[in-house]
Amino acid sequence: VPCEQAQVPEVQKLHKELKAQSQVLGWVLIAVVMIVLLLCTSVT
């Protein structure tokens, strides 16, 4: 799928789903880091 060489079109569509998962995880990581940073700074 990453090389767009999947012979089954339905399988190749998983490329978008994997990218969506990655981006959601990225934004979740950013949100968690910002919340932890804010809490630690406020408590300190």
All heavy atoms as atom14 arrays in JSON, in Angstrom:
{
  "sequence": "VPCEQAQVPEVQKLHKELKAQSQVLGWVLIAVVMIVLLLCTSVT",
  "atom14_mask": [
    [1, 1, 1, 1, 1, 1, 1, 0, 0, 0, 0, 0, 0, 0],
    [1, 1, 1, 1, 1, 1, 1, 0, 0, 0, 0, 0, 0, 0],
    [1, 1, 1, 1, 1, 1, 0, 0, 0, 0, 0, 0, 0, 0],
    [1, 1, 1, 1, 1, 1, 1, 1, 1, 0, 0, 0, 0, 0],
    [1, 1, 1, 1, 1, 1, 1, 1, 1, 0, 0, 0, 0, 0],
    [1, 1, 1, 1, 1, 0, 0, 0, 0, 0, 0, 0, 0, 0],
    [1, 1, 1, 1, 1, 1, 1, 1, 1, 0, 0, 0, 0, 0],
    [1, 1, 1, 1, 1, 1, 1, 0, 0, 0, 0, 0, 0, 0],
    [1, 1, 1, 1, 1, 1, 1, 0, 0, 0, 0, 0, 0, 0],
    [1, 1, 1, 1, 1, 1, 1, 1, 1, 0, 0, 0, 0, 0],
    [1, 1, 1, 1, 1, 1, 1, 0, 0, 0, 0, 0, 0, 0],
    [1, 1, 1, 1, 1, 1, 1, 1, 1, 0, 0, 0, 0, 0],
    [1, 1, 1, 1, 1, 1, 1, 1, 1, 0, 0, 0, 0, 0],
    [1, 1, 1, 1, 1, 1, 1, 1, 0, 0, 0, 0, 0, 0],
    [1, 1, 1, 1, 1, 1, 1, 1, 1, 1, 0, 0, 0, 0],
    [1, 1, 1, 1, 1, 1, 1, 1, 1, 0, 0, 0, 0, 0],
    [1, 1, 1, 1, 1, 1, 1, 1, 1, 0, 0, 0, 0, 0],
    [1, 1, 1, 1, 1, 1, 1, 1, 0, 0, 0, 0, 0, 0],
    [1, 1, 1, 1, 1, 1, 1, 1, 1, 0, 0, 0, 0, 0],
    [1, 1, 1, 1, 1, 0, 0, 0, 0, 0, 0, 0, 0, 0],
    [1, 1, 1, 1, 1, 1, 1, 1, 1, 0, 0, 0, 0, 0],
    [1, 1, 1, 1, 1, 1, 0, 0, 0, 0, 0, 0, 0, 0],
    [1, 1, 1, 1, 1, 1, 1, 1, 1, 0, 0, 0, 0, 0],
    [1, 1, 1, 1, 1, 1, 1, 0, 0, 0, 0, 0, 0, 0],
    [1, 1, 1, 1, 1, 1, 1, 1, 0, 0, 0, 0, 0, 0],
    [1, 1, 1, 1, 0, 0, 0, 0, 0, 0, 0, 0, 0, 0],
    [1, 1, 1, 1, 1, 1, 1, 1, 1, 1, 1, 1, 1, 1],
    [1, 1, 1, 1, 1, 1, 1, 0, 0, 0, 0, 0, 0, 0],
    [1, 1, 1, 1, 1, 1, 1, 1, 0, 0, 0, 0, 0, 0],
    [1, 1, 1, 1, 1, 1, 1, 1, 0, 0, 0, 0, 0, 0],
    [1, 1, 1, 1, 1, 0, 0, 0, 0, 0, 0, 0, 0, 0],
    [1, 1, 1, 1, 1, 1, 1, 0, 0, 0, 0, 0, 0, 0],
    [1, 1, 1, 1, 1, 1, 1, 0, 0, 0, 0, 0, 0, 0],
    [1, 1, 1, 1, 1, 1, 1, 1, 0, 0, 0, 0, 0, 0],
    [1, 1, 1, 1, 1, 1, 1, 1, 0, 0, 0, 0, 0, 0],
    [1, 1, 1, 1, 1, 1, 1, 0, 0, 0, 0, 0, 0, 0],
    [1, 1, 1, 1, 1, 1, 1, 1, 0, 0, 0, 0, 0, 0],
    [1, 1, 1, 1, 1, 1, 1, 1, 0, 0, 0, 0, 0, 0],
    [1, 1, 1, 1, 1, 1, 1, 1, 0, 0, 0, 0, 0, 0],
    [1, 1, 1, 1, 1, 1, 0, 0, 0, 0, 0, 0, 0, 0],
    [1, 1, 1, 1, 1, 1, 1, 0, 0, 0, 0, 0, 0, 0],
    [1, 1, 1, 1, 1, 1, 0, 0, 0, 0, 0, 0, 0, 0],
    [1, 1, 1, 1, 1, 1, 1, 0, 0, 0, 0, 0, 0, 0],
    [1, 1, 1, 1, 1, 1, 1, 0, 0, 0, 0, 0, 0, 0]
  ],
  "atom14_positions": [
    [[0.81, -1.22, 0.0], [0.0, 0.0, 0.0], [0.85, 1.28, 0.0], [0.57, 2.21, -0.77], [-0.98, -0.01, 1.19], [-1.64, 1.35, 1.37], [-2.04, -1.08, 0.97], [0.0, 0.0, 0.0], [0.0, 0.0, 0.0], [0.0, 0.0, 0.0], [0.0, 0.0, 0.0], [0.0, 0.0, 0.0], [0.0, 0.0, 0.0], [0.0, 0.0, 0.0]],
    [[1.91, 1.42, 0.83], [2.69, 2.67, 0.83], [3.31, 3.0, -0.52], [3.53, 4.17, -0.83], [3.77, 2.41, 1.89], [3.19, 1.37, 2.77], [2.38, 0.5, 1.88], [0.0, 0.0, 0.0], [0.0, 0.0, 0.0], [0.0, 0.0, 0.0], [0.0, 0.0, 0.0], [0.0, 0.0, 0.0], [0.0, 0.0, 0.0], [0.0, 0.0, 0.0]],
    [[3.62, 1.97, -1.32], [4.24, 2.2, -2.63], [3.19, 2.29, -3.74], [3.57, 2.39, -4.92], [5.21, 1.07, -2.95], [6.58, 0.95, -1.78], [0.0, 0.0, 0.0], [0.0, 0.0, 0.0], [0.0, 0.0, 0.0], [0.0, 0.0, 0.0], [0.0, 0.0, 0.0], [0.0, 0.0, 0.0], [0.0, 0.0, 0.0], [0.0, 0.0, 0.0]],
    [[1.91, 2.23, -3.36], [0.79, 2.27, -4.31], [0.91, 1.17, -5.36], [0.65, 1.38, -6.55], [0.7, 3.65, -4.97], [0.45, 4.77, -3.98], [0.28, 6.12, -4.64], [0.42, 6.18, -5.89], [0.0, 7.09, -3.93], [0.0, 0.0, 0.0], [0.0, 0.0, 0.0], [0.0, 0.0, 0.0], [0.0, 0.0, 0.0], [0.0, 0.0, 0.0]],
    [[1.31, -0.03, -4.89], [1.49, -1.16, -5.8], [0.47, -2.27, -5.54], [0.55, -3.34, -6.15], [2.9, -1.73, -5.64], [4.0, -0.77, -6.07], [5.38, -1.34, -5.83], [5.54, -2.42, -5.27], [6.41, -0.6, -6.25], [0.0, 0.0, 0.0], [0.0, 0.0, 0.0], [0.0, 0.0, 0.0], [0.0, 0.0, 0.0], [0.0, 0.0, 0.0]],
    [[-0.47, -2.01, -4.63], [-1.49, -3.03, -4.34], [-2.37, -3.25, -5.57], [-2.87, -2.29, -6.17], [-2.33, -2.61, -3.14], [0.0, 0.0, 0.0], [0.0, 0.0, 0.0], [0.0, 0.0, 0.0], [0.0, 0.0, 0.0], [0.0, 0.0, 0.0], [0.0, 0.0, 0.0], [0.0, 0.0, 0.0], [0.0, 0.0, 0.0], [0.0, 0.0, 0.0]],
    [[-2.55, -4.51, -5.95], [-3.3, -4.83, -7.16], [-4.81, -4.74, -6.94], [-5.56, -4.6, -7.9], [-2.92, -6.23, -7.65], [-1.45, -6.36, -8.01], [-1.06, -7.78, -8.38], [-1.9, -8.69, -8.33], [0.19, -7.99, -8.75], [0.0, 0.0, 0.0], [0.0, 0.0, 0.0], [0.0, 0.0, 0.0], [0.0, 0.0, 0.0], [0.0, 0.0, 0.0]],
    [[-5.23, -4.82, -5.69], [-6.66, -4.75, -5.37], [-6.99, -3.3, -5.0], [-6.48, -2.78, -4.01], [-7.02, -5.69, -4.21], [-8.51, -5.63, -3.91], [-6.58, -7.12, -4.53], [0.0, 0.0, 0.0], [0.0, 0.0, 0.0], [0.0, 0.0, 0.0], [0.0, 0.0, 0.0], [0.0, 0.0, 0.0], [0.0, 0.0, 0.0], [0.0, 0.0, 0.0]],
    [[-7.85, -2.62, -5.77], [-8.19, -1.21, -5.48], [-8.74, -1.01, -4.07], [-8.46, 0.01, -3.43], [-9.24, -0.87, -6.54], [-8.97, -1.83, -7.66], [-8.5, -3.1, -7.01], [0.0, 0.0, 0.0], [0.0, 0.0, 0.0], [0.0, 0.0, 0.0], [0.0, 0.0, 0.0], [0.0, 0.0, 0.0], [0.0, 0.0, 0.0], [0.0, 0.0, 0.0]],
    [[-9.52, -1.96, -3.6], [-10.09, -1.84, -2.26], [-9.01, -1.82, -1.19], [-9.13, -1.12, -0.18], [-11.06, -3.01, -2.01], [-11.84, -2.9, -0.72], [-12.77, -4.08, -0.51], [-12.61, -5.1, -1.22], [-13.63, -3.99, 0.38], [0.0, 0.0, 0.0], [0.0, 0.0, 0.0], [0.0, 0.0, 0.0], [0.0, 0.0, 0.0], [0.0, 0.0, 0.0]],
    [[-7.92, -2.58, -1.42], [-6.8, -2.62, -0.47], [-6.0, -1.32, -0.56], [-5.56, -0.78, 0.47], [-5.9, -3.84, -0.74], [-4.69, -3.83, 0.19], [-6.69, -5.13, -0.58], [0.0, 0.0, 0.0], [0.0, 0.0, 0.0], [0.0, 0.0, 0.0], [0.0, 0.0, 0.0], [0.0, 0.0, 0.0], [0.0, 0.0, 0.0], [0.0, 0.0, 0.0]],
    [[-5.83, -0.79, -1.77], [-5.07, 0.44, -1.94], [-5.73, 1.62, -1.23], [-5.04, 2.56, -0.81], [-4.91, 0.74, -3.44], [-3.98, 1.9, -3.75], [-2.57, 1.71, -3.2], [-1.97, 0.65, -3.36], [-2.07, 2.72, -2.52], [0.0, 0.0, 0.0], [0.0, 0.0, 0.0], [0.0, 0.0, 0.0], [0.0, 0.0, 0.0], [0.0, 0.0, 0.0]],
    [[-7.05, 1.55, -1.06], [-7.75, 2.63, -0.36], [-7.37, 2.7, 1.11], [-7.62, 3.71, 1.77], [-9.26, 2.42, -0.48], [-9.8, 2.64, -1.88], [-11.3, 2.42, -1.93], [-11.84, 2.62, -3.35], [-13.3, 2.39, -3.42], [0.0, 0.0, 0.0], [0.0, 0.0, 0.0], [0.0, 0.0, 0.0], [0.0, 0.0, 0.0], [0.0, 0.0, 0.0]],
    [[-6.75, 1.64, 1.64], [-6.29, 1.66, 3.04], [-5.2, 2.7, 3.27], [-4.91, 3.07, 4.4], [-5.77, 0.27, 3.44], [-6.81, -0.84, 3.59], [-6.12, -2.17, 3.86], [-7.78, -0.51, 4.71], [0.0, 0.0, 0.0], [0.0, 0.0, 0.0], [0.0, 0.0, 0.0], [0.0, 0.0, 0.0], [0.0, 0.0, 0.0], [0.0, 0.0, 0.0]],
    [[-4.58, 3.16, 2.17], [-3.55, 4.19, 2.27], [-4.09, 5.42, 2.99], [-3.43, 5.98, 3.89], [-3.06, 4.56, 0.87], [-2.09, 5.67, 0.84], [-0.76, 5.52, 1.14], [-2.25, 7.0, 0.55], [-0.14, 6.68, 1.03], [-1.02, 7.6, 0.68], [0.0, 0.0, 0.0], [0.0, 0.0, 0.0], [0.0, 0.0, 0.0], [0.0, 0.0, 0.0]],
    [[-5.29, 5.86, 2.62], [-5.9, 7.03, 3.25], [-6.24, 6.75, 4.71], [-6.1, 7.63, 5.57], [-7.16, 7.43, 2.49], [-6.88, 7.96, 1.09], [-8.17, 8.41, 0.41], [-7.89, 8.97, -0.98], [-9.15, 9.42, -1.65], [0.0, 0.0, 0.0], [0.0, 0.0, 0.0], [0.0, 0.0, 0.0], [0.0, 0.0, 0.0], [0.0, 0.0, 0.0]],
    [[-6.68, 5.54, 5.0], [-7.04, 5.2, 6.38], [-5.81, 5.18, 7.28], [-5.85, 5.67, 8.42], [-7.75, 3.84, 6.41], [-8.34, 3.49, 7.76], [-9.3, 2.32, 7.69], [-9.75, 1.97, 6.57], [-9.6, 1.76, 8.76], [0.0, 0.0, 0.0], [0.0, 0.0, 0.0], [0.0, 0.0, 0.0], [0.0, 0.0, 0.0], [0.0, 0.0, 0.0]],
    [[-4.71, 4.64, 6.77], [-3.47, 4.62, 7.56], [-2.95, 6.03, 7.8], [-2.48, 6.35, 8.89], [-2.41, 3.78, 6.83], [-2.67, 2.28, 6.74], [-1.58, 1.6, 5.91], [-2.74, 1.66, 8.12], [0.0, 0.0, 0.0], [0.0, 0.0, 0.0], [0.0, 0.0, 0.0], [0.0, 0.0, 0.0], [0.0, 0.0, 0.0], [0.0, 0.0, 0.0]],
    [[-3.06, 6.88, 6.77], [-2.61, 8.26, 6.93], [-3.48, 9.0, 7.95], [-2.98, 9.8, 8.76], [-2.63, 8.98, 5.6], [-1.99, 10.36, 5.66], [-1.69, 10.91, 4.27], [-0.89, 12.2, 4.36], [-0.49, 12.7, 3.02], [0.0, 0.0, 0.0], [0.0, 0.0, 0.0], [0.0, 0.0, 0.0], [0.0, 0.0, 0.0], [0.0, 0.0, 0.0]],
    [[-4.78, 8.72, 7.92], [-5.69, 9.36, 8.88], [-5.35, 8.92, 10.31], [-5.34, 9.75, 11.24], [-7.13, 9.0, 8.55], [0.0, 0.0, 0.0], [0.0, 0.0, 0.0], [0.0, 0.0, 0.0], [0.0, 0.0, 0.0], [0.0, 0.0, 0.0], [0.0, 0.0, 0.0], [0.0, 0.0, 0.0], [0.0, 0.0, 0.0], [0.0, 0.0, 0.0]],
    [[-5.06, 7.64, 10.48], [-4.66, 7.15, 11.81], [-3.41, 7.86, 12.3], [-3.31, 8.28, 13.46], [-4.42, 5.64, 11.76], [-5.65, 4.79, 11.6], [-5.33, 3.31, 11.55], [-4.16, 2.92, 11.66], [-6.34, 2.49, 11.39], [0.0, 0.0, 0.0], [0.0, 0.0, 0.0], [0.0, 0.0, 0.0], [0.0, 0.0, 0.0], [0.0, 0.0, 0.0]],
    [[-2.43, 8.0, 11.41], [-1.17, 8.65, 11.76], [-1.4, 10.09, 12.19], [-0.87, 10.55, 13.21], [-0.21, 8.6, 10.58], [1.01, 9.23, 10.89], [0.0, 0.0, 0.0], [0.0, 0.0, 0.0], [0.0, 0.0, 0.0], [0.0, 0.0, 0.0], [0.0, 0.0, 0.0], [0.0, 0.0, 0.0], [0.0, 0.0, 0.0], [0.0, 0.0, 0.0]],
    [[-2.2, 10.82, 11.44], [-2.43, 12.23, 11.75], [-3.22, 12.4, 13.04], [-2.96, 13.33, 13.81], [-3.15, 12.9, 10.57], [-2.27, 13.03, 9.34], [-2.98, 13.63, 8.15], [-4.21, 13.58, 8.08], [-2.22, 14.19, 7.22], [0.0, 0.0, 0.0], [0.0, 0.0, 0.0], [0.0, 0.0, 0.0], [0.0, 0.0, 0.0], [0.0, 0.0, 0.0]],
    [[-4.17, 11.51, 13.29], [-4.92, 11.57, 14.55], [-3.98, 11.34, 15.73], [-4.03, 12.06, 16.74], [-6.07, 10.53, 14.55], [-6.65, 10.39, 15.96], [-7.16, 10.95, 13.58], [0.0, 0.0, 0.0], [0.0, 0.0, 0.0], [0.0, 0.0, 0.0], [0.0, 0.0, 0.0], [0.0, 0.0, 0.0], [0.0, 0.0, 0.0], [0.0, 0.0, 0.0]],
    [[-3.1, 10.34, 15.61], [-2.13, 10.09, 16.67], [-1.21, 11.29, 16.88], [-0.84, 11.62, 18.01], [-1.3, 8.85, 16.33], [-2.01, 7.5, 16.44], [-1.11, 6.38, 15.93], [-2.44, 7.22, 17.87], [0.0, 0.0, 0.0], [0.0, 0.0, 0.0], [0.0, 0.0, 0.0], [0.0, 0.0, 0.0], [0.0, 0.0, 0.0], [0.0, 0.0, 0.0]],
    [[-0.83, 11.96, 15.78], [0.02, 13.14, 15.89], [-0.64, 14.26, 16.67], [-0.04, 14.87, 17.55], [0.0, 0.0, 0.0], [0.0, 0.0, 0.0], [0.0, 0.0, 0.0], [0.0, 0.0, 0.0], [0.0, 0.0, 0.0], [0.0, 0.0, 0.0], [0.0, 0.0, 0.0], [0.0, 0.0, 0.0], [0.0, 0.0, 0.0], [0.0, 0.0, 0.0]],
    [[-1.91, 14.54, 16.35], [-2.62, 15.6, 17.06], [-2.9, 15.22, 18.52], [-2.86, 16.09, 19.4], [-3.93, 15.93, 16.35], [-3.73, 16.76, 15.12], [-3.99, 16.41, 13.83], [-3.21, 18.09, 15.06], [-3.66, 17.42, 12.97], [-3.19, 18.48, 13.7], [-2.77, 18.99, 16.02], [-2.73, 19.72, 13.29], [-2.31, 20.24, 15.61], [-2.29, 20.6, 14.27]],
    [[-3.16, 13.95, 18.77], [-3.35, 13.49, 20.16], [-2.06, 13.69, 20.96], [-2.09, 14.15, 22.1], [-3.79, 12.02, 20.2], [-3.71, 11.46, 21.62], [-5.21, 11.87, 19.67], [0.0, 0.0, 0.0], [0.0, 0.0, 0.0], [0.0, 0.0, 0.0], [0.0, 0.0, 0.0], [0.0, 0.0, 0.0], [0.0, 0.0, 0.0], [0.0, 0.0, 0.0]],
    [[-0.93, 13.34, 20.35], [0.36, 13.53, 21.02], [0.6, 15.01, 21.34], [1.02, 15.35, 22.45], [1.49, 12.99, 20.14], [2.92, 13.21, 20.66], [3.12, 12.48, 21.99], [3.95, 12.73, 19.64], [0.0, 0.0, 0.0], [0.0, 0.0, 0.0], [0.0, 0.0, 0.0], [0.0, 0.0, 0.0], [0.0, 0.0, 0.0], [0.0, 0.0, 0.0]],
    [[0.32, 15.89, 20.38], [0.51, 17.33, 20.6], [-0.39, 17.82, 21.73], [0.04, 18.57, 22.61], [0.22, 18.1, 19.3], [1.3, 17.8, 18.25], [0.17, 19.61, 19.55], [1.02, 18.38, 16.88], [0.0, 0.0, 0.0], [0.0, 0.0, 0.0], [0.0, 0.0, 0.0], [0.0, 0.0, 0.0], [0.0, 0.0, 0.0], [0.0, 0.0, 0.0]],
    [[-1.66, 17.36, 21.73], [-2.6, 17.79, 22.77], [-2.15, 17.32, 24.14], [-2.19, 18.07, 25.12], [-4.0, 17.25, 22.46], [0.0, 0.0, 0.0], [0.0, 0.0, 0.0], [0.0, 0.0, 0.0], [0.0, 0.0, 0.0], [0.0, 0.0, 0.0], [0.0, 0.0, 0.0], [0.0, 0.0, 0.0], [0.0, 0.0, 0.0], [0.0, 0.0, 0.0]],
    [[-1.7, 16.06, 24.24], [-1.25, 15.51, 25.53], [-0.04, 16.27, 26.04], [0.04, 16.62, 27.23], [-0.94, 14.0, 25.39], [-0.23, 13.48, 26.63], [-2.22, 13.21, 25.15], [0.0, 0.0, 0.0], [0.0, 0.0, 0.0], [0.0, 0.0, 0.0], [0.0, 0.0, 0.0], [0.0, 0.0, 0.0], [0.0, 0.0, 0.0], [0.0, 0.0, 0.0]],
    [[0.93, 16.54, 25.14], [2.14, 17.27, 25.54], [1.79, 18.66, 26.04], [2.31, 19.13, 27.07], [3.14, 17.35, 24.37], [4.27, 18.3, 24.69], [3.7, 15.96, 24.07], [0.0, 0.0, 0.0], [0.0, 0.0, 0.0], [0.0, 0.0, 0.0], [0.0, 0.0, 0.0], [0.0, 0.0, 0.0], [0.0, 0.0, 0.0], [0.0, 0.0, 0.0]],
    [[0.89, 19.35, 25.33], [0.51, 20.7, 25.73], [-0.2, 20.71, 27.08], [0.04, 21.58, 27.93], [-0.38, 21.33, 24.66], [0.3, 21.57, 23.34], [1.74, 22.67, 23.47], [0.95, 24.2, 23.92], [0.0, 0.0, 0.0], [0.0, 0.0, 0.0], [0.0, 0.0, 0.0], [0.0, 0.0, 0.0], [0.0, 0.0, 0.0], [0.0, 0.0, 0.0]],
    [[-1.08, 19.73, 27.3], [-1.8, 19.65, 28.58], [-0.84, 19.37, 29.72], [-0.89, 20.0, 30.78], [-2.9, 18.57, 28.5], [-4.01, 19.02, 27.53], [-3.5, 18.3, 29.88], [-5.03, 17.95, 27.24], [0.0, 0.0, 0.0], [0.0, 0.0, 0.0], [0.0, 0.0, 0.0], [0.0, 0.0, 0.0], [0.0, 0.0, 0.0], [0.0, 0.0, 0.0]],
    [[0.07, 18.4, 29.52], [1.04, 18.06, 30.57], [1.95, 19.25, 30.85], [2.25, 19.56, 32.01], [1.88, 16.83, 30.14], [3.03, 16.6, 31.12], [0.98, 15.59, 30.09], [0.0, 0.0, 0.0], [0.0, 0.0, 0.0], [0.0, 0.0, 0.0], [0.0, 0.0, 0.0], [0.0, 0.0, 0.0], [0.0, 0.0, 0.0], [0.0, 0.0, 0.0]],
    [[2.39, 19.94, 29.79], [3.24, 21.11, 29.96], [2.54, 22.21, 30.75], [3.12, 22.82, 31.66], [3.68, 21.65, 28.59], [4.57, 22.89, 28.58], [5.89, 22.6, 29.28], [4.82, 23.37, 27.15], [0.0, 0.0, 0.0], [0.0, 0.0, 0.0], [0.0, 0.0, 0.0], [0.0, 0.0, 0.0], [0.0, 0.0, 0.0], [0.0, 0.0, 0.0]],
    [[1.27, 22.46, 30.41], [0.5, 23.48, 31.11], [0.32, 23.12, 32.58], [0.49, 23.96, 33.47], [-0.86, 23.67, 30.43], [-1.82, 24.67, 31.1], [-1.2, 26.06, 31.12], [-3.16, 24.68, 30.38], [0.0, 0.0, 0.0], [0.0, 0.0, 0.0], [0.0, 0.0, 0.0], [0.0, 0.0, 0.0], [0.0, 0.0, 0.0], [0.0, 0.0, 0.0]],
    [[-0.01, 21.85, 32.85], [-0.22, 21.41, 34.23], [1.06, 21.51, 35.04], [1.06, 22.02, 36.18], [-0.76, 19.98, 34.25], [-2.21, 19.78, 33.77], [-2.55, 18.3, 33.74], [-3.18, 20.54, 34.67], [0.0, 0.0, 0.0], [0.0, 0.0, 0.0], [0.0, 0.0, 0.0], [0.0, 0.0, 0.0], [0.0, 0.0, 0.0], [0.0, 0.0, 0.0]],
    [[2.16, 21.03, 34.48], [3.44, 21.06, 35.21], [3.89, 22.5, 35.48], [4.35, 22.81, 36.58], [4.52, 20.31, 34.41], [4.27, 18.53, 34.33], [0.0, 0.0, 0.0], [0.0, 0.0, 0.0], [0.0, 0.0, 0.0], [0.0, 0.0, 0.0], [0.0, 0.0, 0.0], [0.0, 0.0, 0.0], [0.0, 0.0, 0.0], [0.0, 0.0, 0.0]],
    [[3.74, 23.37, 34.46], [4.13, 24.77, 34.64], [3.26, 25.44, 35.7], [3.77, 26.18, 36.55], [4.02, 25.52, 33.31], [4.83, 24.87, 32.33], [4.49, 26.96, 33.47], [0.0, 0.0, 0.0], [0.0, 0.0, 0.0], [0.0, 0.0, 0.0], [0.0, 0.0, 0.0], [0.0, 0.0, 0.0], [0.0, 0.0, 0.0], [0.0, 0.0, 0.0]],
    [[1.96, 25.17, 35.66], [1.05, 25.78, 36.62], [1.34, 25.32, 38.04], [1.38, 26.13, 38.97], [-0.4, 25.45, 36.24], [-0.72, 25.93, 34.96], [0.0, 0.0, 0.0], [0.0, 0.0, 0.0], [0.0, 0.0, 0.0], [0.0, 0.0, 0.0], [0.0, 0.0, 0.0], [0.0, 0.0, 0.0], [0.0, 0.0, 0.0], [0.0, 0.0, 0.0]],
    [[1.56, 24.01, 38.21], [1.84, 23.48, 39.55], [3.17, 24.02, 40.07], [3.28, 24.41, 41.24], [1.85, 21.94, 39.52], [2.35, 21.37, 40.85], [0.45, 21.41, 39.23], [0.0, 0.0, 0.0], [0.0, 0.0, 0.0], [0.0, 0.0, 0.0], [0.0, 0.0, 0.0], [0.0, 0.0, 0.0], [0.0, 0.0, 0.0], [0.0, 0.0, 0.0]],
    [[4.18, 24.05, 39.21], [5.49, 24.55, 39.61], [5.42, 26.01, 40.04], [6.0, 26.41, 41.05], [6.5, 24.4, 38.46], [6.57, 23.02, 38.08], [7.88, 24.86, 38.87], [0.0, 0.0, 0.0], [0.0, 0.0, 0.0], [0.0, 0.0, 0.0], [0.0, 0.0, 0.0], [0.0, 0.0, 0.0], [0.0, 0.0, 0.0], [0.0, 0.0, 0.0]]
  ]
}
